[in-house]
Amino acid sequence: MIKQLDTPRLTIESINLAHATPLADFFLRNDAHLAPWDPPRPAGVRSAGFWEAECERAVIEASEGRVARWVFYMRGDKAQVIGRINYTQIARGPFQSCILGYAIDGAFERRGLMQEALAATIAHAFDVMQLHRIQASYIPANVRSGRLLQRLGFRREGVAPKYLFINGEWRDHVITALLNPQFDDSVFQTLER
């Protein structure tokens, strides 16, 4: 089942096979825009065939509770994916955490759209998925990403040296996290001691 979140300006959908061609177009349009911030991309990332396989895998992994991958559009215009948000490495048990990644089309920056989309998906991650912690990291030079996370309430936890291989070299990353203020600790009462 496709999950959909609506905000005042956006339609946000859980990734499914229908998003293959729009995602290929997104990466084709944004190759240079995303290059300074993204890890090396797999071959074929600009092809619908690549994204068909990725979307199928995302649907399976979502059904298993391992990821929650989203794309978003301007409301009323599903012809063009303008951003993506990924909650990956979802860990349950005493951790109840995940890793957040996100990207927006260069032509749609500086409008508050990513903040709007992240606020909606964070609410879903906390209220529906019942996660306790979301971790996000950014390259220190990506000041705008740092400000975005700060506006959303993420707190700086430290710097991870040579954390990810990005744009031809290992890059330090600022590690941030957001905790669910409404997390229900009673989920642990059913666990055996």
N, C-alpha and C. Protein backbone atom coordinates (compact mmCIF):
# COMPACT_ATOMS: atom_id res chain seq x y z
N MET A 1 0.84 -1.19 0.00
CA MET A 1 0.00 0.00 0.00
C MET A 1 0.89 1.25 0.00
N ILE A 2 0.58 2.18 -0.85
CA ILE A 2 1.34 3.42 -0.96
C ILE A 2 0.91 4.36 0.16
N LYS A 3 1.89 4.84 0.90
CA LYS A 3 1.61 5.84 1.92
C LYS A 3 1.74 7.21 1.26
N GLN A 4 0.84 8.10 1.63
CA GLN A 4 0.90 9.46 1.11
C GLN A 4 0.72 10.44 2.26
N LEU A 5 1.56 11.45 2.29
CA LEU A 5 1.47 12.54 3.25
C LEU A 5 1.25 13.82 2.45
N ASP A 6 0.36 14.66 2.90
CA ASP A 6 0.12 15.93 2.23
C ASP A 6 0.46 17.07 3.17
N THR A 7 1.13 18.06 2.63
CA THR A 7 1.45 19.28 3.36
C THR A 7 0.80 20.43 2.58
N PRO A 8 0.88 21.65 3.07
CA PRO A 8 0.26 22.74 2.31
C PRO A 8 0.73 22.85 0.86
N ARG A 9 2.01 22.54 0.59
CA ARG A 9 2.51 22.70 -0.77
C ARG A 9 2.94 21.41 -1.45
N LEU A 10 3.01 20.31 -0.72
CA LEU A 10 3.63 19.10 -1.25
C LEU A 10 2.75 17.87 -1.12
N THR A 11 2.98 16.93 -2.04
CA THR A 11 2.49 15.56 -1.92
C THR A 11 3.72 14.69 -1.75
N ILE A 12 3.74 13.91 -0.68
CA ILE A 12 4.88 13.06 -0.35
C ILE A 12 4.39 11.62 -0.40
N GLU A 13 5.08 10.78 -1.19
CA GLU A 13 4.65 9.38 -1.35
C GLU A 13 5.78 8.43 -1.01
N SER A 14 5.41 7.30 -0.41
CA SER A 14 6.39 6.24 -0.22
C SER A 14 6.79 5.72 -1.61
N ILE A 15 8.06 5.45 -1.77
CA ILE A 15 8.56 5.04 -3.10
C ILE A 15 7.90 3.75 -3.54
N ASN A 16 7.52 3.73 -4.81
CA ASN A 16 6.96 2.54 -5.44
C ASN A 16 7.40 2.54 -6.90
N LEU A 17 7.03 1.52 -7.63
CA LEU A 17 7.49 1.33 -9.01
C LEU A 17 7.12 2.50 -9.92
N ALA A 18 6.03 3.19 -9.65
CA ALA A 18 5.63 4.32 -10.49
C ALA A 18 6.65 5.47 -10.44
N HIS A 19 7.53 5.46 -9.47
CA HIS A 19 8.50 6.55 -9.32
C HIS A 19 9.81 6.31 -10.08
N ALA A 20 9.93 5.20 -10.77
CA ALA A 20 11.20 4.86 -11.44
C ALA A 20 11.63 5.93 -12.44
N THR A 21 10.79 6.26 -13.39
CA THR A 21 11.15 7.26 -14.40
C THR A 21 11.33 8.65 -13.79
N PRO A 22 10.42 9.11 -12.90
CA PRO A 22 10.66 10.43 -12.29
C PRO A 22 11.96 10.49 -11.47
N LEU A 23 12.35 9.40 -10.82
CA LEU A 23 13.62 9.40 -10.08
C LEU A 23 14.82 9.45 -11.02
N ALA A 24 14.75 8.73 -12.14
CA ALA A 24 15.83 8.81 -13.13
C ALA A 24 15.96 10.24 -13.64
N ASP A 25 14.83 10.89 -13.92
CA ASP A 25 14.84 12.28 -14.37
C ASP A 25 15.41 13.21 -13.30
N PHE A 26 15.05 12.96 -12.03
CA PHE A 26 15.56 13.77 -10.92
C PHE A 26 17.09 13.74 -10.90
N PHE A 27 17.67 12.55 -11.02
CA PHE A 27 19.13 12.43 -10.98
C PHE A 27 19.78 12.98 -12.25
N LEU A 28 19.12 12.88 -13.36
CA LEU A 28 19.65 13.46 -14.59
C LEU A 28 19.70 14.99 -14.47
N ARG A 29 18.63 15.58 -13.99
CA ARG A 29 18.57 17.05 -13.83
C ARG A 29 19.54 17.57 -12.77
N ASN A 30 19.80 16.78 -11.75
CA ASN A 30 20.52 17.26 -10.57
C ASN A 30 21.91 16.68 -10.40
N ASP A 31 22.47 16.14 -11.45
CA ASP A 31 23.78 15.50 -11.36
C ASP A 31 24.83 16.46 -10.77
N ALA A 32 25.01 17.60 -11.35
CA ALA A 32 26.03 18.55 -10.87
C ALA A 32 25.63 19.16 -9.52
N HIS A 33 24.35 19.40 -9.33
CA HIS A 33 23.87 20.01 -8.09
C HIS A 33 24.16 19.12 -6.88
N LEU A 34 24.00 17.80 -7.00
CA LEU A 34 24.17 16.89 -5.87
C LEU A 34 25.59 16.35 -5.72
N ALA A 35 26.40 16.46 -6.76
CA ALA A 35 27.74 15.86 -6.74
C ALA A 35 28.60 16.25 -5.53
N PRO A 36 28.61 17.50 -5.09
CA PRO A 36 29.48 17.85 -3.95
C PRO A 36 29.07 17.21 -2.63
N TRP A 37 27.83 16.68 -2.54
CA TRP A 37 27.31 16.21 -1.26
C TRP A 37 27.01 14.72 -1.24
N ASP A 38 27.00 14.05 -2.38
CA ASP A 38 26.60 12.65 -2.46
C ASP A 38 27.78 11.70 -2.56
N PRO A 39 27.63 10.49 -2.01
CA PRO A 39 28.62 9.44 -2.26
C PRO A 39 28.63 9.08 -3.75
N PRO A 40 29.64 8.33 -4.19
CA PRO A 40 29.66 7.92 -5.61
C PRO A 40 28.35 7.21 -5.97
N ARG A 41 27.84 7.53 -7.13
CA ARG A 41 26.57 6.95 -7.56
C ARG A 41 26.80 5.68 -8.36
N PRO A 42 25.90 4.71 -8.20
CA PRO A 42 26.03 3.49 -8.98
C PRO A 42 25.80 3.75 -10.47
N ALA A 43 26.35 2.91 -11.30
CA ALA A 43 26.13 3.01 -12.74
C ALA A 43 24.63 2.88 -13.01
N GLY A 44 24.13 3.69 -13.91
CA GLY A 44 22.73 3.61 -14.30
C GLY A 44 21.77 4.44 -13.47
N VAL A 45 22.27 5.23 -12.54
CA VAL A 45 21.39 5.99 -11.64
C VAL A 45 20.48 6.95 -12.40
N ARG A 46 20.83 7.26 -13.64
CA ARG A 46 19.99 8.15 -14.45
C ARG A 46 19.06 7.38 -15.39
N SER A 47 18.92 6.07 -15.18
CA SER A 47 18.06 5.27 -16.06
C SER A 47 16.85 4.73 -15.30
N ALA A 48 15.73 4.65 -16.00
CA ALA A 48 14.50 4.13 -15.39
C ALA A 48 14.67 2.67 -14.99
N GLY A 49 15.43 1.90 -15.77
CA GLY A 49 15.67 0.49 -15.45
C GLY A 49 16.34 0.33 -14.09
N PHE A 50 17.33 1.15 -13.82
CA PHE A 50 18.01 1.12 -12.53
C PHE A 50 16.99 1.40 -11.42
N TRP A 51 16.15 2.42 -11.62
CA TRP A 51 15.20 2.82 -10.58
C TRP A 51 14.05 1.84 -10.43
N GLU A 52 13.71 1.11 -11.48
CA GLU A 52 12.69 0.06 -11.33
C GLU A 52 13.16 -0.96 -10.30
N ALA A 53 14.40 -1.40 -10.42
CA ALA A 53 14.94 -2.37 -9.46
C ALA A 53 15.05 -1.75 -8.06
N GLU A 54 15.49 -0.50 -7.99
CA GLU A 54 15.62 0.18 -6.69
C GLU A 54 14.25 0.36 -6.02
N CYS A 55 13.26 0.73 -6.81
CA CYS A 55 11.92 0.93 -6.25
C CYS A 55 11.33 -0.39 -5.76
N GLU A 56 11.52 -1.45 -6.51
CA GLU A 56 11.05 -2.76 -6.07
C GLU A 56 11.71 -3.16 -4.75
N ARG A 57 13.02 -2.94 -4.67
CA ARG A 57 13.76 -3.26 -3.44
C ARG A 57 13.27 -2.40 -2.28
N ALA A 58 13.00 -1.12 -2.53
CA ALA A 58 12.53 -0.22 -1.48
C ALA A 58 11.18 -0.66 -0.94
N VAL A 59 10.30 -1.12 -1.82
CA VAL A 59 8.98 -1.59 -1.38
C VAL A 59 9.13 -2.82 -0.48
N ILE A 60 9.99 -3.75 -0.87
CA ILE A 60 10.22 -4.95 -0.06
C ILE A 60 10.82 -4.58 1.29
N GLU A 61 11.87 -3.75 1.26
CA GLU A 61 12.53 -3.36 2.51
C GLU A 61 11.59 -2.57 3.42
N ALA A 62 10.71 -1.76 2.85
CA ALA A 62 9.73 -1.03 3.66
C ALA A 62 8.75 -1.99 4.31
N SER A 63 8.31 -3.00 3.56
CA SER A 63 7.37 -3.97 4.11
C SER A 63 8.01 -4.78 5.25
N GLU A 64 9.33 -4.90 5.22
CA GLU A 64 10.06 -5.59 6.28
C GLU A 64 10.45 -4.65 7.43
N GLY A 65 10.12 -3.38 7.29
CA GLY A 65 10.41 -2.41 8.34
C GLY A 65 11.85 -1.95 8.40
N ARG A 66 12.61 -2.16 7.31
CA ARG A 66 14.03 -1.81 7.32
C ARG A 66 14.32 -0.41 6.81
N VAL A 67 13.43 0.15 5.97
CA VAL A 67 13.61 1.49 5.42
C VAL A 67 12.24 2.16 5.26
N ALA A 68 12.27 3.46 5.12
CA ALA A 68 11.09 4.23 4.69
C ALA A 68 11.64 5.26 3.72
N ARG A 69 11.38 5.05 2.44
CA ARG A 69 11.89 5.94 1.39
C ARG A 69 10.72 6.71 0.80
N TRP A 70 10.92 8.01 0.62
CA TRP A 70 9.87 8.90 0.15
C TRP A 70 10.36 9.73 -1.03
N VAL A 71 9.42 10.12 -1.89
CA VAL A 71 9.66 11.15 -2.91
C VAL A 71 8.59 12.20 -2.71
N PHE A 72 8.87 13.43 -3.18
CA PHE A 72 7.82 14.44 -3.09
C PHE A 72 7.76 15.30 -4.32
N TYR A 73 6.53 15.84 -4.52
CA TYR A 73 6.16 16.66 -5.66
C TYR A 73 5.52 17.93 -5.14
N MET A 74 5.44 18.94 -6.00
CA MET A 74 4.58 20.07 -5.70
C MET A 74 3.14 19.55 -5.77
N ARG A 75 2.30 19.98 -4.87
CA ARG A 75 0.91 19.51 -4.85
C ARG A 75 0.24 19.78 -6.18
N GLY A 76 -0.42 18.77 -6.71
CA GLY A 76 -1.13 18.91 -7.97
C GLY A 76 -0.26 18.69 -9.20
N ASP A 77 1.03 18.39 -9.01
CA ASP A 77 1.94 18.19 -10.15
C ASP A 77 2.82 16.98 -9.91
N LYS A 78 2.29 15.80 -10.22
CA LYS A 78 3.05 14.57 -10.01
C LYS A 78 3.95 14.22 -11.20
N ALA A 79 4.13 15.14 -12.10
CA ALA A 79 4.97 14.88 -13.27
C ALA A 79 6.45 14.92 -12.92
N GLN A 80 6.81 15.61 -11.84
CA GLN A 80 8.23 15.83 -11.56
C GLN A 80 8.54 15.63 -10.08
N VAL A 81 9.35 14.62 -9.78
CA VAL A 81 9.87 14.46 -8.42
C VAL A 81 10.82 15.61 -8.16
N ILE A 82 10.61 16.32 -7.04
CA ILE A 82 11.50 17.44 -6.73
C ILE A 82 12.36 17.16 -5.50
N GLY A 83 12.15 16.02 -4.86
CA GLY A 83 12.99 15.69 -3.71
C GLY A 83 12.78 14.27 -3.26
N ARG A 84 13.73 13.82 -2.45
CA ARG A 84 13.62 12.48 -1.89
C ARG A 84 14.13 12.50 -0.46
N ILE A 85 13.56 11.62 0.35
CA ILE A 85 13.91 11.50 1.77
C ILE A 85 13.99 10.01 2.08
N ASN A 86 15.08 9.62 2.72
CA ASN A 86 15.28 8.21 3.06
C ASN A 86 15.55 8.05 4.55
N TYR A 87 14.78 7.16 5.17
CA TYR A 87 15.05 6.72 6.53
C TYR A 87 15.56 5.28 6.39
N THR A 88 16.83 5.08 6.63
CA THR A 88 17.45 3.78 6.40
C THR A 88 18.08 3.26 7.69
N GLN A 89 18.59 2.05 7.61
CA GLN A 89 19.23 1.39 8.75
C GLN A 89 18.33 1.46 9.99
N ILE A 90 17.04 1.22 9.78
CA ILE A 90 16.11 1.23 10.89
C ILE A 90 16.44 0.07 11.81
N ALA A 91 16.70 0.40 13.07
CA ALA A 91 17.04 -0.61 14.08
C ALA A 91 15.96 -0.57 15.16
N ARG A 92 15.51 -1.72 15.54
CA ARG A 92 14.47 -1.82 16.58
C ARG A 92 15.12 -2.26 17.90
N GLY A 93 14.41 -2.97 18.73
CA GLY A 93 14.94 -3.37 20.03
C GLY A 93 15.22 -2.14 20.89
N PRO A 94 16.28 -2.16 21.66
CA PRO A 94 16.54 -1.04 22.55
C PRO A 94 17.06 0.22 21.83
N PHE A 95 17.29 0.15 20.54
CA PHE A 95 17.82 1.29 19.80
C PHE A 95 16.70 2.16 19.21
N GLN A 96 15.75 1.57 18.48
CA GLN A 96 14.61 2.28 17.90
C GLN A 96 15.06 3.54 17.16
N SER A 97 15.98 3.36 16.21
CA SER A 97 16.64 4.50 15.56
C SER A 97 16.77 4.27 14.07
N CYS A 98 17.16 5.33 13.37
CA CYS A 98 17.41 5.24 11.93
C CYS A 98 18.36 6.34 11.49
N ILE A 99 18.77 6.25 10.23
CA ILE A 99 19.63 7.26 9.59
C ILE A 99 18.78 7.99 8.55
N LEU A 100 18.87 9.31 8.54
CA LEU A 100 18.13 10.14 7.60
C LEU A 100 19.04 10.66 6.50
N GLY A 101 18.56 10.60 5.26
CA GLY A 101 19.22 11.21 4.13
C GLY A 101 18.18 11.94 3.29
N TYR A 102 18.59 13.00 2.61
CA TYR A 102 17.61 13.78 1.83
C TYR A 102 18.31 14.55 0.72
N ALA A 103 17.54 14.90 -0.30
CA ALA A 103 18.04 15.70 -1.42
C ALA A 103 16.86 16.41 -2.07
N ILE A 104 17.12 17.64 -2.53
CA ILE A 104 16.09 18.40 -3.23
C ILE A 104 16.64 18.89 -4.57
N ASP A 105 15.78 18.98 -5.53
CA ASP A 105 16.10 19.50 -6.86
C ASP A 105 16.67 20.92 -6.72
N GLY A 106 17.75 21.19 -7.39
CA GLY A 106 18.38 22.51 -7.32
C GLY A 106 17.46 23.65 -7.69
N ALA A 107 16.52 23.40 -8.58
CA ALA A 107 15.59 24.45 -9.02
C ALA A 107 14.53 24.78 -7.97
N PHE A 108 14.45 23.97 -6.89
CA PHE A 108 13.42 24.16 -5.88
C PHE A 108 14.00 24.50 -4.50
N GLU A 109 15.28 24.81 -4.46
CA GLU A 109 15.91 25.19 -3.20
C GLU A 109 15.43 26.56 -2.73
N ARG A 110 15.70 26.85 -1.47
CA ARG A 110 15.47 28.17 -0.86
C ARG A 110 14.00 28.57 -0.81
N ARG A 111 13.12 27.59 -0.74
CA ARG A 111 11.69 27.88 -0.63
C ARG A 111 11.09 27.27 0.64
N GLY A 112 11.91 26.58 1.43
CA GLY A 112 11.41 25.91 2.62
C GLY A 112 10.71 24.59 2.34
N LEU A 113 10.83 24.09 1.12
CA LEU A 113 10.14 22.85 0.75
C LEU A 113 10.73 21.63 1.43
N MET A 114 12.06 21.57 1.54
CA MET A 114 12.65 20.42 2.21
C MET A 114 12.28 20.41 3.69
N GLN A 115 12.26 21.55 4.32
CA GLN A 115 11.86 21.60 5.72
C GLN A 115 10.42 21.11 5.87
N GLU A 116 9.56 21.53 4.97
CA GLU A 116 8.15 21.11 4.99
C GLU A 116 8.03 19.59 4.83
N ALA A 117 8.78 19.03 3.87
CA ALA A 117 8.73 17.59 3.62
C ALA A 117 9.33 16.81 4.79
N LEU A 118 10.45 17.28 5.32
CA LEU A 118 11.07 16.59 6.45
C LEU A 118 10.18 16.64 7.68
N ALA A 119 9.57 17.77 7.96
CA ALA A 119 8.69 17.86 9.13
C ALA A 119 7.58 16.81 9.05
N ALA A 120 7.00 16.64 7.87
CA ALA A 120 5.92 15.65 7.70
C ALA A 120 6.43 14.22 7.86
N THR A 121 7.57 13.91 7.27
CA THR A 121 8.06 12.53 7.36
C THR A 121 8.65 12.23 8.74
N ILE A 122 9.20 13.24 9.41
CA ILE A 122 9.67 13.03 10.79
C ILE A 122 8.48 12.73 11.69
N ALA A 123 7.39 13.47 11.52
CA ALA A 123 6.18 13.19 12.29
C ALA A 123 5.73 11.76 12.06
N HIS A 124 5.79 11.29 10.82
CA HIS A 124 5.41 9.91 10.51
C HIS A 124 6.38 8.93 11.18
N ALA A 125 7.67 9.22 11.12
CA ALA A 125 8.67 8.33 11.72
C ALA A 125 8.47 8.22 13.23
N PHE A 126 8.10 9.30 13.87
CA PHE A 126 7.90 9.28 15.32
C PHE A 126 6.52 8.76 15.70
N ASP A 127 5.47 9.25 15.05
CA ASP A 127 4.11 8.92 15.47
C ASP A 127 3.62 7.57 14.96
N VAL A 128 3.96 7.23 13.72
CA VAL A 128 3.47 5.99 13.12
C VAL A 128 4.49 4.86 13.26
N MET A 129 5.74 5.15 12.91
CA MET A 129 6.77 4.12 12.98
C MET A 129 7.30 3.93 14.40
N GLN A 130 7.00 4.87 15.27
CA GLN A 130 7.37 4.81 16.69
C GLN A 130 8.88 4.70 16.90
N LEU A 131 9.65 5.50 16.14
CA LEU A 131 11.09 5.54 16.35
C LEU A 131 11.42 6.50 17.49
N HIS A 132 12.51 6.22 18.16
CA HIS A 132 12.97 7.05 19.28
C HIS A 132 13.97 8.11 18.82
N ARG A 133 14.78 7.78 17.81
CA ARG A 133 15.90 8.65 17.44
C ARG A 133 16.10 8.64 15.94
N ILE A 134 16.34 9.82 15.37
CA ILE A 134 16.70 9.95 13.96
C ILE A 134 18.06 10.63 13.92
N GLN A 135 19.01 10.00 13.25
CA GLN A 135 20.35 10.58 13.10
C GLN A 135 20.51 11.12 11.69
N ALA A 136 21.11 12.29 11.58
CA ALA A 136 21.42 12.89 10.27
C ALA A 136 22.81 13.47 10.35
N SER A 137 23.52 13.42 9.24
CA SER A 137 24.87 13.98 9.21
C SER A 137 25.02 14.87 7.98
N TYR A 138 25.98 15.78 8.06
CA TYR A 138 26.24 16.66 6.92
C TYR A 138 27.70 17.07 6.90
N ILE A 139 28.20 17.36 5.71
CA ILE A 139 29.56 17.86 5.54
C ILE A 139 29.60 19.27 6.13
N PRO A 140 30.61 19.60 6.95
CA PRO A 140 30.63 20.92 7.58
C PRO A 140 30.48 22.09 6.60
N ALA A 141 30.97 21.95 5.39
CA ALA A 141 30.85 23.03 4.39
C ALA A 141 29.40 23.21 3.92
N ASN A 142 28.54 22.24 4.16
CA ASN A 142 27.15 22.34 3.75
C ASN A 142 26.35 23.05 4.85
N VAL A 143 26.62 24.33 4.97
CA VAL A 143 26.03 25.15 6.04
C VAL A 143 24.51 25.15 5.96
N ARG A 144 23.96 25.20 4.77
CA ARG A 144 22.50 25.24 4.62
C ARG A 144 21.84 23.97 5.17
N SER A 145 22.48 22.82 4.95
CA SER A 145 21.94 21.58 5.49
C SER A 145 22.01 21.60 7.01
N GLY A 146 23.09 22.11 7.56
CA GLY A 146 23.22 22.23 9.01
C GLY A 146 22.14 23.12 9.60
N ARG A 147 21.87 24.24 8.95
CA ARG A 147 20.83 25.15 9.43
C ARG A 147 19.45 24.51 9.35
N LEU A 148 19.20 23.77 8.27
CA LEU A 148 17.93 23.08 8.11
C LEU A 148 17.70 22.10 9.27
N LEU A 149 18.70 21.28 9.55
CA LEU A 149 18.57 20.32 10.63
C LEU A 149 18.36 21.02 11.97
N GLN A 150 19.06 22.11 12.18
CA GLN A 150 18.91 22.86 13.43
C GLN A 150 17.49 23.41 13.56
N ARG A 151 16.94 23.95 12.47
CA ARG A 151 15.56 24.46 12.50
C ARG A 151 14.55 23.36 12.85
N LEU A 152 14.86 22.14 12.43
CA LEU A 152 13.98 21.00 12.70
C LEU A 152 14.16 20.44 14.11
N GLY A 153 15.14 20.95 14.85
CA GLY A 153 15.35 20.51 16.22
C GLY A 153 16.46 19.50 16.42
N PHE A 154 17.19 19.16 15.37
CA PHE A 154 18.31 18.24 15.51
C PHE A 154 19.40 18.90 16.34
N ARG A 155 20.02 18.11 17.21
CA ARG A 155 21.10 18.60 18.06
C ARG A 155 22.42 18.01 17.60
N ARG A 156 23.43 18.84 17.58
CA ARG A 156 24.78 18.42 17.19
C ARG A 156 25.35 17.48 18.26
N GLU A 157 25.86 16.33 17.81
CA GLU A 157 26.45 15.36 18.73
C GLU A 157 27.97 15.31 18.62
N GLY A 158 28.51 15.76 17.50
CA GLY A 158 29.96 15.73 17.32
C GLY A 158 30.33 15.67 15.86
N VAL A 159 31.61 15.46 15.61
CA VAL A 159 32.13 15.35 14.25
C VAL A 159 32.74 13.97 14.08
N ALA A 160 32.37 13.29 13.01
CA ALA A 160 32.93 11.99 12.67
C ALA A 160 33.98 12.21 11.58
N PRO A 161 35.27 12.02 11.91
CA PRO A 161 36.32 12.23 10.91
C PRO A 161 36.23 11.20 9.79
N LYS A 162 36.43 11.68 8.57
CA LYS A 162 36.47 10.80 7.39
C LYS A 162 35.31 9.80 7.41
N TYR A 163 34.12 10.32 7.57
CA TYR A 163 32.91 9.53 7.78
C TYR A 163 32.38 8.87 6.51
N LEU A 164 32.36 9.63 5.40
CA LEU A 164 31.84 9.10 4.13
C LEU A 164 32.74 9.53 2.99
N PHE A 165 32.81 8.68 1.96
CA PHE A 165 33.57 8.99 0.75
C PHE A 165 32.66 9.78 -0.17
N ILE A 166 32.96 11.07 -0.32
CA ILE A 166 32.10 11.99 -1.08
C ILE A 166 32.96 12.81 -2.02
N ASN A 167 32.54 12.91 -3.26
CA ASN A 167 33.19 13.78 -4.23
C ASN A 167 34.71 13.57 -4.27
N GLY A 168 35.12 12.32 -4.28
CA GLY A 168 36.52 11.98 -4.49
C GLY A 168 37.40 11.86 -3.26
N GLU A 169 36.86 12.08 -2.07
CA GLU A 169 37.69 11.90 -0.86
C GLU A 169 36.82 11.63 0.36
N TRP A 170 37.49 11.11 1.41
CA TRP A 170 36.80 10.87 2.67
C TRP A 170 36.52 12.21 3.33
N ARG A 171 35.27 12.43 3.72
CA ARG A 171 34.85 13.72 4.27
C ARG A 171 34.39 13.58 5.72
N ASP A 172 34.82 14.54 6.54
CA ASP A 172 34.29 14.65 7.89
C ASP A 172 32.81 14.99 7.79
N HIS A 173 32.03 14.57 8.79
CA HIS A 173 30.62 14.90 8.86
C HIS A 173 30.25 15.31 10.28
N VAL A 174 29.39 16.30 10.37
CA VAL A 174 28.79 16.67 11.64
C VAL A 174 27.63 15.70 11.87
N ILE A 175 27.63 15.06 13.04
CA ILE A 175 26.57 14.11 13.38
C ILE A 175 25.55 14.84 14.25
N THR A 176 24.28 14.72 13.86
CA THR A 176 23.19 15.32 14.62
C THR A 176 22.13 14.26 14.88
N ALA A 177 21.26 14.53 15.84
CA ALA A 177 20.16 13.60 16.11
C ALA A 177 18.96 14.37 16.64
N LEU A 178 17.82 13.78 16.39
CA LEU A 178 16.54 14.29 16.89
C LEU A 178 15.88 13.16 17.65
N LEU A 179 15.47 13.44 18.89
CA LEU A 179 14.80 12.43 19.71
C LEU A 179 13.30 12.67 19.71
N ASN A 180 12.56 11.59 19.75
CA ASN A 180 11.10 11.63 19.78
C ASN A 180 10.65 12.03 21.19
N PRO A 181 10.11 13.22 21.35
CA PRO A 181 9.72 13.65 22.69
C PRO A 181 8.52 12.88 23.24
N GLN A 182 7.80 12.19 22.38
CA GLN A 182 6.60 11.44 22.81
C GLN A 182 6.83 9.93 22.79
N PHE A 183 8.08 9.49 22.75
CA PHE A 183 8.34 8.06 22.64
C PHE A 183 7.74 7.32 23.82
N ASP A 184 7.06 6.23 23.53
CA ASP A 184 6.38 5.43 24.54
C ASP A 184 7.30 4.32 25.03
N ASP A 185 7.90 4.51 26.18
CA ASP A 185 8.83 3.52 26.73
C ASP A 185 8.15 2.21 27.12
N SER A 186 6.83 2.19 27.13
CA SER A 186 6.14 0.96 27.53
C SER A 186 6.39 -0.18 26.55
N VAL A 187 6.90 0.11 25.35
CA VAL A 187 7.21 -0.97 24.41
C VAL A 187 8.25 -1.93 25.00
N PHE A 188 9.03 -1.45 25.93
CA PHE A 188 10.07 -2.29 26.53
C PHE A 188 9.54 -3.15 27.67
N GLN A 189 8.34 -2.90 28.16
CA GLN A 189 7.77 -3.69 29.26
C GLN A 189 7.47 -5.11 28.84
N THR A 190 7.30 -5.33 27.53
CA THR A 190 6.99 -6.67 27.04
C THR A 190 8.23 -7.49 26.75
N LEU A 191 9.39 -6.86 26.79
CA LEU A 191 10.64 -7.58 26.53
C LEU A 191 11.04 -8.40 27.74
N GLU A 192 11.54 -9.61 27.51
CA GLU A 192 12.01 -10.45 28.61
C GLU A 192 13.31 -9.90 29.15
N ARG A 193 13.49 -10.10 30.43
CA ARG A 193 14.73 -9.66 31.08
C ARG A 193 15.70 -10.81 31.18
